[in-house]
Protein backbone atom coordinates (compact mmCIF):
# COMPACT_ATOMS: atom_id res chain seq x y z
CA MET A 1 86.06 -37.37 138.90
CA GLY A 2 84.08 -34.77 136.97
CA LYS A 3 80.45 -35.24 135.93
CA ILE A 4 80.78 -33.96 132.37
CA ALA A 5 81.59 -36.55 129.71
CA VAL A 6 81.86 -36.48 125.92
CA LEU A 7 79.04 -38.51 124.42
CA PRO A 8 79.92 -41.34 122.01
CA GLU A 9 79.49 -40.59 118.30
CA VAL A 10 76.69 -43.14 117.82
CA LEU A 11 74.63 -41.43 120.54
CA THR A 12 75.26 -37.90 119.27
CA ASN A 13 74.27 -38.96 115.75
CA ARG A 14 70.95 -40.34 117.00
CA ILE A 15 70.26 -37.20 119.01
CA ALA A 16 71.12 -34.97 116.05
CA ALA A 17 68.95 -37.08 113.76
CA GLY A 18 65.91 -36.00 115.78
CA GLU A 19 66.23 -32.49 114.34
CA VAL A 20 66.14 -33.72 110.75
CA VAL A 21 64.09 -36.95 110.83
CA GLU A 22 60.82 -36.33 112.64
CA ARG A 23 58.62 -38.82 110.79
CA PRO A 24 58.67 -40.83 107.50
CA ALA A 25 57.63 -37.71 105.57
CA SER A 26 60.90 -36.08 106.70
CA ILE A 27 62.89 -38.90 105.07
CA VAL A 28 60.86 -38.58 101.86
CA LYS A 29 61.54 -34.84 101.77
CA GLU A 30 65.30 -35.18 102.18
CA LEU A 31 65.65 -37.95 99.60
CA LEU A 32 63.42 -36.20 97.06
CA GLU A 33 65.38 -32.96 97.45
CA ASN A 34 68.63 -34.91 96.97
CA ALA A 35 67.23 -36.33 93.73
CA LEU A 36 66.35 -32.83 92.50
CA ASP A 37 69.81 -31.55 93.44
CA ALA A 38 71.24 -34.40 91.33
CA GLY A 39 69.41 -33.08 88.26
CA ALA A 40 66.83 -35.86 88.06
CA GLY A 41 64.23 -35.73 85.29
CA ALA A 42 62.19 -38.59 86.75
CA VAL A 43 61.79 -39.72 90.37
CA GLY A 44 60.04 -42.88 91.61
CA ILE A 45 58.96 -43.21 95.25
CA GLU A 46 57.76 -46.42 96.90
CA LEU A 47 56.17 -46.42 100.36
CA ARG A 48 55.33 -49.40 102.52
CA GLN A 49 52.91 -49.06 105.46
CA GLY A 50 52.54 -45.35 104.86
CA GLY A 51 56.32 -44.91 104.91
CA CYS A 52 56.62 -46.45 108.38
CA GLY A 53 57.69 -49.84 106.95
CA ALA A 54 60.06 -48.83 104.16
CA ILE A 55 60.79 -45.98 101.75
CA ARG A 56 62.56 -46.23 98.39
CA VAL A 57 63.43 -43.23 96.22
CA THR A 58 64.89 -43.84 92.76
CA ASP A 59 66.07 -41.12 90.37
CA ASP A 60 67.79 -40.80 87.00
CA GLY A 61 70.14 -38.04 88.14
CA GLU A 62 73.91 -37.80 87.75
CA GLY A 63 74.72 -40.52 90.29
CA MET A 64 77.72 -40.64 92.63
CA GLU A 65 81.39 -41.54 92.32
CA ALA A 66 82.38 -44.74 94.15
CA ALA A 67 84.80 -42.83 96.39
CA ASP A 68 82.05 -40.38 97.45
CA VAL A 69 79.51 -43.01 98.53
CA PRO A 70 80.91 -43.78 102.03
CA LEU A 71 81.64 -40.08 102.61
CA ALA A 72 78.00 -39.22 101.91
CA PHE A 73 77.10 -40.90 105.22
CA SER A 74 79.67 -38.94 107.23
CA ARG A 75 78.21 -36.02 109.14
CA PHE A 76 78.95 -32.60 107.59
CA ALA A 77 80.37 -34.12 104.41
CA THR A 78 79.00 -32.17 101.42
CA SER A 79 79.82 -31.19 97.85
CA LYS A 80 77.74 -27.97 97.99
CA ILE A 81 79.95 -25.60 100.02
CA ALA A 82 83.63 -25.20 100.87
CA SER A 83 83.56 -22.07 103.08
CA PHE A 84 81.07 -20.32 105.36
CA GLU A 85 80.52 -17.57 102.79
CA ASP A 86 79.24 -20.20 100.33
CA ILE A 87 76.09 -20.53 102.46
CA TYR A 88 75.01 -17.10 101.19
CA ARG A 89 75.49 -18.18 97.59
CA ILE A 90 73.67 -21.50 97.89
CA ARG A 91 70.85 -22.45 95.50
CA SER A 92 70.69 -26.19 96.13
CA PHE A 93 68.35 -27.81 98.66
CA GLY A 94 71.04 -29.51 100.71
CA PHE A 95 74.36 -28.07 101.82
CA ARG A 96 75.05 -29.09 105.43
CA GLY A 97 75.71 -32.80 104.90
CA GLU A 98 73.24 -33.88 107.62
CA ALA A 99 70.39 -35.63 105.81
CA LEU A 100 71.88 -39.03 104.90
CA PRO A 101 73.83 -39.48 108.18
CA SER A 102 70.69 -38.57 110.15
CA ILE A 103 68.53 -41.03 108.22
CA ALA A 104 71.14 -43.79 108.54
CA ALA A 105 71.41 -43.20 112.30
CA VAL A 106 67.79 -44.26 112.87
CA SER A 107 67.29 -46.93 110.17
CA ARG A 108 68.90 -49.37 107.73
CA VAL A 109 69.84 -47.77 104.39
CA THR A 110 70.79 -49.47 101.14
CA LEU A 111 72.17 -47.11 98.48
CA ILE A 112 72.83 -48.14 94.85
CA THR A 113 74.27 -45.54 92.48
CA ARG A 114 76.10 -45.20 89.15
CA ARG A 115 77.30 -42.27 87.09
CA ARG A 116 76.45 -42.36 83.40
CA ASP A 117 80.12 -42.40 82.38
CA ARG A 118 80.99 -45.39 84.61
CA PRO A 119 80.52 -49.06 83.60
CA THR A 120 79.66 -50.23 87.12
CA GLY A 121 77.90 -48.79 90.12
CA THR A 122 78.34 -48.93 93.89
CA ARG A 123 76.20 -50.61 96.54
CA LEU A 124 76.42 -49.55 100.20
CA ILE A 125 74.56 -50.80 103.29
CA VAL A 126 74.57 -48.80 106.52
CA GLU A 127 72.57 -49.56 109.65
CA ALA A 128 72.24 -47.50 112.84
CA GLY A 129 75.05 -45.27 111.56
CA GLN A 130 77.51 -48.13 110.93
CA ILE A 131 78.64 -49.00 107.38
CA LEU A 132 78.22 -52.77 106.89
CA GLU A 133 79.05 -53.25 103.20
CA VAL A 134 80.48 -51.37 100.19
CA THR A 135 80.66 -53.35 96.90
CA ASP A 136 80.59 -52.83 93.13
CA CYS A 137 77.38 -53.73 91.33
CA GLY A 138 75.53 -53.43 88.06
CA CYS A 139 72.69 -50.90 88.05
CA PRO A 140 71.06 -48.19 85.91
CA ALA A 141 72.50 -44.70 85.89
CA GLY A 142 71.24 -42.60 88.78
CA THR A 143 70.64 -43.38 92.45
CA SER A 144 68.27 -45.64 94.40
CA ILE A 145 68.01 -45.41 98.18
CA LEU A 146 66.04 -47.92 100.25
CA VAL A 147 65.30 -47.01 103.90
CA GLU A 148 64.07 -49.84 106.14
CA ASN A 149 63.70 -50.59 109.88
CA ILE A 150 62.82 -46.96 110.42
CA PHE A 151 63.31 -45.86 114.05
CA ASP A 152 64.36 -49.35 115.17
CA PRO A 153 67.50 -47.93 116.85
CA VAL A 154 65.26 -45.41 118.70
CA PRO A 155 62.01 -47.35 119.35
CA VAL A 156 60.56 -44.59 121.53
CA ARG A 157 60.19 -42.48 118.38
CA LYS A 158 57.78 -45.05 116.92
CA LYS A 159 55.28 -44.24 119.66
CA PHE A 160 54.92 -40.72 118.25
CA LEU A 161 53.97 -41.88 114.75
CA LYS A 162 50.34 -41.57 113.70
CA ARG A 163 48.21 -44.19 111.97
CA GLU A 164 49.35 -45.57 108.61
CA SER A 165 46.80 -43.60 106.58
CA THR A 166 47.83 -40.35 108.27
CA GLU A 167 51.55 -40.96 107.73
CA LEU A 168 50.86 -41.83 104.08
CA ALA A 169 48.90 -38.60 103.70
CA ALA A 170 51.81 -36.67 105.28
CA CYS A 171 54.27 -38.27 102.82
CA LEU A 172 52.06 -37.34 99.86
CA GLU A 173 51.65 -33.78 101.16
CA THR A 174 55.45 -33.49 101.42
CA ILE A 175 55.89 -34.78 97.87
CA THR A 176 53.28 -32.28 96.68
CA ARG A 177 55.09 -29.36 98.33
CA VAL A 178 58.51 -30.31 96.95
CA ALA A 179 57.33 -31.24 93.44
CA LEU A 180 54.97 -28.30 92.89
CA PRO A 181 57.49 -25.79 91.45
CA HIS A 182 59.52 -28.40 89.56
CA ARG A 183 57.14 -28.93 86.66
CA HIS A 184 59.78 -30.44 84.36
CA VAL A 185 60.34 -33.43 86.69
CA ARG A 186 58.18 -36.57 86.46
CA VAL A 187 57.18 -38.04 89.84
CA GLY A 188 55.52 -41.39 90.47
CA VAL A 189 54.47 -42.69 93.90
CA GLN A 190 53.42 -46.20 94.90
CA ALA A 191 51.99 -47.22 98.28
CA ASN A 192 52.03 -50.92 99.13
CA GLY A 193 52.50 -51.71 95.44
CA ARG A 194 49.59 -49.55 94.27
CA SER A 195 50.02 -46.29 92.33
CA VAL A 196 48.74 -43.32 94.33
CA MET A 197 50.33 -40.45 92.38
CA SER A 198 51.50 -40.21 88.80
CA LEU A 199 52.74 -36.75 87.96
CA PRO A 200 53.98 -36.09 84.40
CA ALA A 201 56.17 -33.19 83.42
CA THR A 202 54.10 -30.17 82.35
CA GLU A 203 54.71 -27.10 80.20
CA GLY A 204 52.94 -24.58 82.44
CA ASP A 205 52.58 -23.93 86.15
CA ARG A 206 48.76 -24.00 86.05
CA GLU A 207 48.81 -27.54 84.63
CA ARG A 208 51.03 -28.63 87.51
CA LEU A 209 48.70 -27.01 90.02
CA GLY A 210 45.69 -28.81 88.56
CA LEU A 211 47.44 -32.18 88.81
CA LEU A 212 48.66 -31.73 92.38
CA LEU A 213 45.96 -29.61 94.03
CA GLY A 214 42.97 -30.77 92.00
CA GLU A 215 41.17 -29.13 89.11
CA GLU A 216 38.58 -27.61 91.44
CA ALA A 217 41.21 -25.69 93.44
CA ALA A 218 43.12 -24.70 90.31
CA GLY A 219 39.92 -23.28 88.79
CA HIS A 220 39.63 -20.75 91.64
CA LEU A 221 43.17 -19.38 91.31
CA LEU A 222 44.23 -15.95 90.00
CA PRO A 223 47.78 -15.19 88.83
CA PHE A 224 49.77 -12.45 90.53
CA SER A 225 53.25 -10.99 90.18
CA GLY A 226 55.42 -8.12 91.34
CA PHE A 227 58.96 -6.74 91.39
CA ARG A 228 60.89 -4.68 93.91
CA GLU A 229 64.59 -3.96 93.52
CA THR A 230 66.23 -7.40 93.32
CA ALA A 231 63.18 -9.45 94.39
CA ALA A 232 60.73 -11.04 91.92
CA LEU A 233 57.33 -12.35 92.96
CA SER A 234 54.91 -14.62 91.07
CA GLY A 235 52.28 -17.20 91.82
CA PHE A 236 48.57 -17.89 92.12
CA CYS A 237 46.02 -16.95 94.79
CA SER A 238 42.43 -18.06 95.33
CA ARG A 239 39.41 -15.86 94.98
CA PRO A 240 38.04 -14.74 98.39
CA ALA A 241 34.98 -16.99 98.02
CA TRP A 242 37.16 -20.13 98.02
CA THR A 243 38.68 -20.78 101.47
CA ARG A 244 39.78 -23.64 103.72
CA SER A 245 39.66 -24.30 107.47
CA ASP A 246 43.48 -24.45 107.71
CA GLY A 247 46.50 -22.92 106.05
CA LYS A 248 47.67 -26.10 104.30
CA GLN A 249 46.86 -24.60 100.89
CA ILE A 250 49.36 -21.77 101.41
CA PHE A 251 52.59 -22.81 99.65
CA CYS A 252 55.52 -20.38 99.95
CA TYR A 253 58.72 -20.93 97.98
CA VAL A 254 61.94 -18.94 98.28
CA ASN A 255 64.31 -19.65 95.38
CA GLY A 256 62.43 -22.90 94.74
CA ARG A 257 62.59 -24.08 98.37
CA PHE A 258 59.34 -24.68 100.26
CA VAL A 259 59.33 -22.78 103.57
CA ARG A 260 56.85 -22.21 106.39
CA ASP A 261 58.04 -18.70 107.07
CA PRO A 262 55.82 -16.64 109.45
CA LEU A 263 56.63 -13.38 107.65
CA LEU A 264 55.42 -14.68 104.28
CA GLN A 265 52.26 -16.26 105.70
CA HIS A 266 51.46 -13.11 107.66
CA ALA A 267 51.78 -11.03 104.48
CA VAL A 268 49.40 -13.38 102.64
CA MET A 269 46.78 -13.10 105.41
CA THR A 270 47.17 -9.30 105.48
CA ALA A 271 46.25 -9.13 101.81
CA TYR A 272 43.08 -11.13 102.49
CA ARG A 273 42.08 -9.11 105.56
CA ARG A 274 38.39 -8.06 105.33
CA LEU A 275 37.93 -10.34 102.31
CA ILE A 276 37.45 -13.73 104.04
CA GLU A 277 35.82 -14.92 107.24
CA ALA A 278 37.73 -15.22 110.49
CA ARG A 279 39.53 -18.55 110.94
CA ARG A 280 39.35 -19.26 107.21
CA TYR A 281 42.41 -19.42 104.96
CA PRO A 282 42.96 -18.84 101.24
CA ALA A 283 44.89 -20.95 98.77
CA CYS A 284 48.10 -19.27 97.69
CA ILE A 285 51.10 -20.56 95.76
CA LEU A 286 53.82 -17.97 96.15
CA TYR A 287 57.16 -18.03 94.33
CA LEU A 288 59.72 -15.53 95.60
CA ASP A 289 63.10 -15.22 93.85
CA VAL A 290 65.81 -13.18 95.57
CA PRO A 291 69.62 -13.17 95.27
CA PRO A 292 71.06 -15.85 97.60
CA GLU A 293 73.03 -13.24 99.53
CA GLU A 294 69.75 -11.48 100.42
CA VAL A 295 68.32 -14.47 102.32
CA ASP A 296 69.71 -16.73 105.07
CA VAL A 297 68.57 -20.35 104.68
CA ASN A 298 70.68 -21.64 107.57
CA VAL A 299 68.40 -20.65 110.48
CA HIS A 300 66.29 -23.79 110.94
CA PRO A 301 67.32 -27.48 111.42
CA ALA A 302 64.99 -28.62 108.64
CA LYS A 303 65.52 -25.41 106.57
CA ALA A 304 61.79 -24.73 106.99
CA GLU A 305 62.29 -21.01 107.73
CA VAL A 306 64.49 -18.30 106.25
CA ARG A 307 65.57 -14.78 107.22
CA PHE A 308 65.57 -11.87 104.79
CA ARG A 309 67.98 -8.96 104.75
CA GLN A 310 65.10 -6.56 104.00
CA PRO A 311 61.95 -8.13 105.49
CA ARG A 312 59.83 -4.97 105.18
CA GLU A 313 60.45 -4.79 101.44
CA ILE A 314 59.55 -8.46 101.00
CA TYR A 315 56.40 -8.04 103.12
CA ALA A 316 55.24 -5.02 101.11
CA LEU A 317 55.99 -6.74 97.80
CA ILE A 318 53.79 -9.72 98.68
CA VAL A 319 50.90 -7.61 100.00
CA GLU A 320 50.88 -5.29 97.01
CA GLY A 321 51.04 -8.17 94.51
CA LEU A 322 48.16 -10.05 96.12
CA VAL A 323 46.01 -6.94 96.68
CA ALA A 324 46.47 -5.97 93.03
CA ALA A 325 45.42 -9.43 91.84
CA LEU A 326 42.42 -9.62 94.17
CA SER A 327 41.23 -6.15 93.20
CA GLY A 328 41.72 -6.83 89.48
CA SER A 329 44.19 -3.97 89.04
CA PRO A 330 47.78 -4.18 87.72
CA ALA A 331 50.52 -4.51 90.32
CA VAL A 332 52.43 -1.40 91.30
CA PRO A 333 56.12 -2.34 91.39
CA SER A 334 57.51 0.47 93.52
CA ALA A 335 55.27 0.65 96.59
CA PRO A 336 51.99 -0.62 98.04
CA PRO A 337 48.88 1.13 96.68
CA ALA A 338 48.67 4.61 98.15
CA ASP A 339 45.42 4.09 100.02
CA LEU A 340 46.68 0.81 101.50
CA ALA A 341 50.04 2.28 102.54
CA ARG A 342 48.31 5.10 104.43
CA GLU A 343 45.83 2.80 106.16
CA PRO A 344 46.62 2.63 109.90
CA LEU A 345 45.64 -1.05 110.15
CA TYR A 346 48.04 -1.93 107.34
CA GLN A 347 50.88 -0.17 109.16
CA ALA A 348 49.89 -1.89 112.39
CA ARG A 349 50.03 -5.30 110.73
CA ILE A 350 53.49 -4.53 109.35
CA GLU A 351 54.70 -3.62 112.84
CA GLU A 352 53.10 -6.79 114.21
CA ALA A 353 54.83 -8.91 111.55
CA MET A 354 58.20 -7.23 112.21
CA LYS A 355 57.82 -7.80 115.95
CA ARG A 356 57.04 -11.50 115.44
CA TYR A 357 59.89 -11.74 112.94
CA THR A 358 62.35 -10.29 115.46
CA VAL A 359 61.10 -12.51 118.29
CA SER A 360 61.21 -15.71 116.22
CA SER A 361 64.66 -14.85 114.86
CA GLY A 362 66.10 -13.84 118.21
CA ARG A 363 68.28 -10.76 118.46
CA SER A 364 71.41 -12.87 118.73
CA LYS A 365 70.50 -14.70 115.48
CA ARG A 366 70.07 -11.63 113.34
CA LEU A 367 72.93 -12.08 110.92
CA PHE A 368 71.72 -9.25 108.70
CA ALA A 369 72.37 -5.81 110.12
CA GLY A 370 70.19 -2.77 109.62
CA LEU A 371 66.73 -4.11 110.53
CA PRO A 372 64.65 -1.29 112.09
CA ALA A 373 63.91 -1.71 115.76
CA VAL A 374 60.32 -2.23 116.86
CA PRO A 375 59.33 -0.20 119.94
CA ALA A 376 58.27 -2.32 122.87
CA VAL A 377 54.82 -1.95 124.41
CA ARG A 378 54.95 -0.51 127.91
CA PRO A 379 52.67 -2.50 130.20
CA GLY A 380 49.89 -0.40 131.64
CA ARG A 381 50.49 2.53 129.23
CA ASP A 382 50.56 1.78 125.50
CA ALA A 383 48.69 -1.48 125.99
CA GLY A 384 45.48 0.38 126.85
CA PRO A 385 43.11 -0.19 129.76
CA PRO A 386 42.79 -3.71 131.16
CA ALA A 387 39.84 -5.81 130.05
CA PRO A 388 36.90 -5.71 132.45
CA PRO A 389 36.80 -8.74 134.73
CA ALA A 390 34.18 -11.25 133.76
CA THR A 391 33.32 -14.83 134.44
CA ALA A 392 33.38 -17.21 131.49
CA GLY A 393 31.17 -20.23 131.88
CA PRO A 394 29.12 -21.17 134.93
CA SER A 395 29.93 -19.78 138.35
CA PRO A 396 31.21 -22.16 141.00
CA GLU A 397 28.14 -21.57 143.17
CA ALA A 398 25.41 -22.73 140.79
CA ALA A 399 24.83 -23.77 137.20
CA ILE A 400 23.24 -21.19 134.92
CA ARG A 401 19.74 -21.81 133.60
CA PHE A 402 19.42 -19.82 130.43
CA THR A 403 15.60 -19.83 130.39
CA GLU A 404 15.59 -17.81 133.63
CA GLY A 405 17.02 -14.78 131.83
CA THR A 406 15.06 -12.04 130.08
CA TYR A 407 16.16 -11.64 126.46
CA LEU A 408 17.08 -8.02 125.68
CA GLY A 409 18.36 -8.27 122.13
CA GLN A 410 21.35 -8.86 119.83
CA VAL A 411 24.64 -6.93 119.78
CA LEU A 412 26.45 -6.76 116.45
CA SER A 413 24.05 -9.46 115.21
CA THR A 414 26.34 -11.98 116.91
CA TYR A 415 25.93 -11.79 120.70
CA LEU A 416 22.69 -12.32 122.62
CA VAL A 417 22.13 -10.15 125.72
CA PHE A 418 20.08 -11.31 128.72
CA ALA A 419 19.13 -9.73 132.02
CA HIS A 420 19.64 -12.70 134.32
CA PRO A 421 19.10 -13.08 138.08
CA ALA A 422 22.87 -13.69 138.34
CA GLY A 423 23.79 -10.55 136.37
CA ILE A 424 24.22 -9.60 132.73
CA LEU A 425 24.64 -12.63 130.47
CA LEU A 426 26.25 -12.32 127.04
CA MET A 427 25.94 -15.35 124.75
CA ASP A 428 27.89 -16.13 121.57
CA GLN A 429 25.07 -17.42 119.35
CA HIS A 430 27.37 -19.45 117.09
CA ALA A 431 29.26 -21.15 119.95
CA ALA A 432 26.03 -21.92 121.84
CA HIS A 433 24.25 -23.41 118.82
CA GLU A 434 27.43 -25.31 117.95
CA ARG A 435 27.35 -27.03 121.36
CA VAL A 436 23.67 -27.91 120.93
CA LEU A 437 24.26 -29.47 117.50
CA PHE A 438 27.33 -31.33 118.77
CA GLU A 439 25.36 -32.99 121.59
CA ARG A 440 22.51 -33.79 119.21
CA LEU A 441 24.92 -35.49 116.76
CA ARG A 442 26.63 -37.47 119.53
CA THR A 443 23.30 -38.69 120.89
CA SER A 444 21.95 -39.77 117.50
CA GLY A 445 25.25 -41.48 116.64
CA ALA A 446 25.35 -43.42 119.90
CA ALA A 447 21.79 -44.58 119.34
CA GLY A 448 22.56 -45.61 115.75
CA LYS A 449 19.77 -43.39 114.45
CA VAL A 450 21.65 -41.13 112.03
CA VAL A 451 19.24 -39.86 109.39
CA THR A 452 20.75 -39.15 105.97
CA GLN A 453 19.67 -36.75 103.26
CA GLN A 454 20.21 -37.95 99.70
CA LEU A 455 21.58 -35.27 97.38
CA LEU A 456 19.69 -34.65 94.18
CA LEU A 457 23.00 -34.54 92.31
CA PRO A 458 26.22 -36.01 93.74
CA GLU A 459 28.91 -33.49 94.71
CA VAL A 460 32.20 -34.46 93.04
CA ILE A 461 35.16 -33.16 95.05
CA SER A 462 38.69 -33.07 93.65
CA LEU A 463 41.27 -33.77 96.36
CA ARG A 464 45.03 -33.79 96.69
CA ALA A 465 46.58 -37.28 96.61
CA GLY A 466 47.11 -37.35 100.39
CA GLU A 467 43.55 -36.23 101.12
CA PHE A 468 42.15 -38.81 98.70
CA GLN A 469 43.97 -41.70 100.38
CA LEU A 470 42.86 -40.47 103.80
CA ALA A 471 39.24 -40.19 102.63
CA LEU A 472 39.23 -43.79 101.37
CA SER A 473 40.58 -45.09 104.68
CA LEU A 474 37.61 -43.56 106.57
CA GLN A 475 34.79 -45.40 104.81
CA THR A 476 33.38 -46.92 108.01
CA LEU A 477 33.37 -43.55 109.76
CA TRP A 478 31.68 -41.83 106.82
CA ASP A 479 28.89 -44.40 106.93
CA GLU A 480 28.42 -43.96 110.70
CA LEU A 481 28.14 -40.19 110.36
CA GLY A 482 25.52 -40.33 107.63
CA PHE A 483 27.70 -39.62 104.58
CA THR A 484 27.63 -41.71 101.42
CA ILE A 485 31.01 -41.24 99.74
CA GLU A 486 32.49 -43.19 96.83
CA PRO A 487 35.74 -42.83 94.83
CA PHE A 488 35.27 -41.02 91.54
CA GLY A 489 38.36 -41.17 89.34
CA ASP A 490 42.01 -41.07 90.41
CA THR A 491 41.85 -38.39 93.13
CA SER A 492 38.18 -37.39 93.35
CA ILE A 493 35.27 -38.55 95.48
CA ALA A 494 31.52 -38.32 94.97
CA VAL A 495 29.33 -37.31 97.95
CA LYS A 496 25.85 -38.78 97.47
CA ALA A 497 24.28 -38.25 100.93
CA VAL A 498 24.90 -36.08 104.02
CA PRO A 499 23.59 -36.09 107.63
CA ALA A 500 20.07 -34.66 107.81
CA LEU A 501 20.60 -33.30 111.35
CA VAL A 502 22.93 -30.55 110.12
CA PRO A 503 21.04 -27.86 108.19
CA ASN A 504 22.45 -25.98 105.22
CA LEU A 505 25.50 -28.22 104.97
CA ASP A 506 28.05 -27.40 102.26
CA PRO A 507 29.35 -30.88 101.26
CA ARG A 508 32.56 -29.61 99.64
CA GLN A 509 33.71 -27.43 102.50
CA THR A 510 32.55 -29.90 105.15
CA VAL A 511 34.39 -32.89 103.68
CA ARG A 512 37.61 -30.88 103.34
CA ASP A 513 37.32 -29.62 106.93
CA LEU A 514 36.64 -33.15 108.19
CA LEU A 515 39.75 -34.48 106.46
CA SER A 516 41.81 -31.65 107.92
CA GLU A 517 40.47 -32.38 111.41
CA LEU A 518 41.30 -36.09 111.24
CA SER A 519 44.81 -35.54 109.87
CA GLU A 520 45.69 -33.70 113.09
CA LEU A 521 44.59 -36.49 115.44
CA PRO A 522 47.35 -38.64 117.01
CA ALA A 523 47.77 -42.32 116.16
CA THR A 524 46.47 -43.23 119.64
CA ALA A 525 43.11 -41.54 118.97
CA GLY A 526 40.31 -44.05 119.35
CA LEU A 527 37.18 -44.35 117.26
CA GLN A 528 35.16 -42.22 119.70
CA GLU A 529 37.73 -39.43 119.54
CA GLN A 530 37.56 -39.56 115.75
CA ARG A 531 33.76 -39.37 115.92
CA ASP A 532 33.91 -36.42 118.30
CA GLY A 533 36.31 -34.61 115.98
CA PHE A 534 33.94 -35.14 113.06
CA HIS A 535 30.91 -34.14 115.12
CA ALA A 536 32.66 -30.90 116.15
CA VAL A 537 33.31 -29.97 112.52
CA LEU A 538 29.74 -30.81 111.49
CA ALA A 539 28.34 -28.76 114.37
CA CYS A 540 30.51 -25.79 113.44
CA GLN A 541 29.37 -26.00 109.82
CA GLY A 542 25.67 -26.25 110.71
CA ALA A 543 25.47 -23.71 113.54
CA VAL A 544 24.07 -20.22 113.08
CA LYS A 545 26.78 -17.81 112.03
CA ALA A 546 27.92 -14.47 113.31
CA HIS A 547 26.00 -11.49 111.86
CA GLN A 548 22.90 -13.64 111.46
CA GLU A 549 19.66 -12.18 112.83
CA LEU A 550 17.66 -14.43 115.20
CA THR A 551 14.00 -14.10 116.18
CA GLU A 552 12.88 -14.19 119.81
CA ALA A 553 11.34 -17.61 119.19
CA GLU A 554 14.69 -18.93 117.90
CA VAL A 555 16.52 -17.45 120.91
CA GLY A 556 14.00 -19.08 123.27
CA ALA A 557 14.44 -22.48 121.59
CA LEU A 558 18.22 -22.15 121.84
CA CYS A 559 18.02 -21.40 125.58
CA ARG A 560 15.75 -24.40 126.20
CA GLU A 561 18.13 -26.71 124.35
CA LEU A 562 21.13 -25.37 126.29
CA ASP A 563 19.33 -26.07 129.57
CA ALA A 564 18.74 -29.66 128.43
CA ILE A 565 22.38 -30.59 127.79
CA SER A 566 25.15 -31.43 130.25
CA PHE A 567 27.98 -29.12 129.12
CA PRO A 568 26.51 -25.84 127.85
CA SER A 569 29.39 -23.59 128.99
CA THR A 570 31.78 -24.18 126.05
CA CYS A 571 31.58 -25.06 122.37
CA PRO A 572 33.19 -28.35 121.19
CA HIS A 573 36.41 -26.45 120.42
CA GLY A 574 36.67 -25.09 123.98
CA ARG A 575 35.52 -21.50 123.44
CA PRO A 576 33.03 -20.13 126.00
CA THR A 577 29.40 -20.03 124.91
CA TYR A 578 28.60 -17.20 127.31
CA VAL A 579 30.13 -14.65 129.67
CA LEU A 580 28.43 -13.67 132.94
CA ILE A 581 29.06 -10.22 134.40
CA ASP A 582 27.79 -10.45 137.97
CA GLU A 583 27.09 -7.73 140.53
CA ARG A 584 30.64 -7.71 141.86
CA ASP A 585 32.05 -7.27 138.37
CA LEU A 586 29.70 -4.36 137.69
CA LYS A 587 30.60 -2.64 140.95
CA ARG A 588 34.28 -3.08 140.23
CA MET A 589 33.95 -1.65 136.71
CA PHE A 590 32.07 1.39 138.01
CA ARG A 591 34.42 1.67 141.03
CA ARG A 592 31.60 1.35 143.51
CA THR A 593 33.72 -0.80 145.85
């Protein structure tokens, strides 16, 4: 008897659901997009236990015919396309007929719907992919979908969920992304019976941005636009002085669909090159409209990425539009600015983006012909000479004592150079000071001796709805770290005190970075791991920066503090604080062996 067997349909449905339903926010996304496809003017969303307990989405859209309701939960049943060619004419969010069957395969779903021209509606209950009940009922026009017992059929998936506050924040972030370009649709969100987002319809895009991203963020945005052949670009970008520690404020939309496309994000960062610090990200809301036949939306299970027929043209359009807005000059519709187009680094970044685009697409997946080939780098030739061998961190033989070295000076106002008995020691001043501050914060926190500095005037910070809910759930942790934070309005907080151990702290940037750090921690993260994550962000904010001149006295104090701590070889984020080039390395570099 052979080993290969056809899997039962129930099992295949649960496996396939893993590509569409990753967490509660995935369910919210699919149901909200279905409501928009149905022409809803108002959408209500109810979340219980951050979406882990139950999710209900109610809309006033066109509703469904009674005969279509059971079919909606059959895999690959859809009203959007009838042939393969229709995929390249699609403008709706859904078209594959996977969302509802995938959700129903891992939960219990109750759907109630009625068309406006029908006297009665239809009620359907499906659990673990099996339809249990289909009956007539009285209900308002539109559709209401209740999802309960989420991941009960696949309990192992529950172990990968994060804490309730984090999942709630993820749901609100998803709602923000989907609702942002649809300013004519009202959206209301309740969590455990309490309103957490009330979004009215607005006349202009900037009003919508202020409601969803906060008035502070909206106040730093500049409009931009551009045209190139059949592609139209518009949106808003932040001034270079306003940045974040992550790319969550970059929103890219292609024909109204939110995507996390690497080509678009790379183009945004290229426009900001030399304008913002390393590892900082701008805010950018980018709307790109192209004919449906010029873009393939069927390349990702969750439709999170797309492929363009002419990626170079799209890349250049985005860069030129953003550069024009940031420089205060009008956009040039036909080509990038002449000086930018001739710049070697600009051309290099285009080639880098095209290479990544080809790799992520895969040559076998390139449905659009005619993309220019990117020459491969020949190892040992075009790649340039190999990096000189060096030892990062302490040598296996003995721990480094920094005070034993003779300070020679700074290189590029960033790296400290020492003549050390073990060789030449190069120290990253920011990483080294970051480790010192991190250990100092941990020690003071463990001893319960955190000193706070009262602010003369409270800093009021406007947050997105998800960030606001996350900030409120961390009140105990804020107090332990030396922050005094209180709610101030619907989605704003007031910072009244900060830790005194961290000099020159920017409350706005620090609080945003702390919230970003915590949102990435897993649900299993304990309180100490949360504290360490916060301490790492605070240390990074307070440490001396690159290109900052240090006196010999300051360098000496830094070396003494490094000698006094247990783990001086890396910063809290894992980067080396120093590199040691010993005698063997020097001989090898000069070919003396």
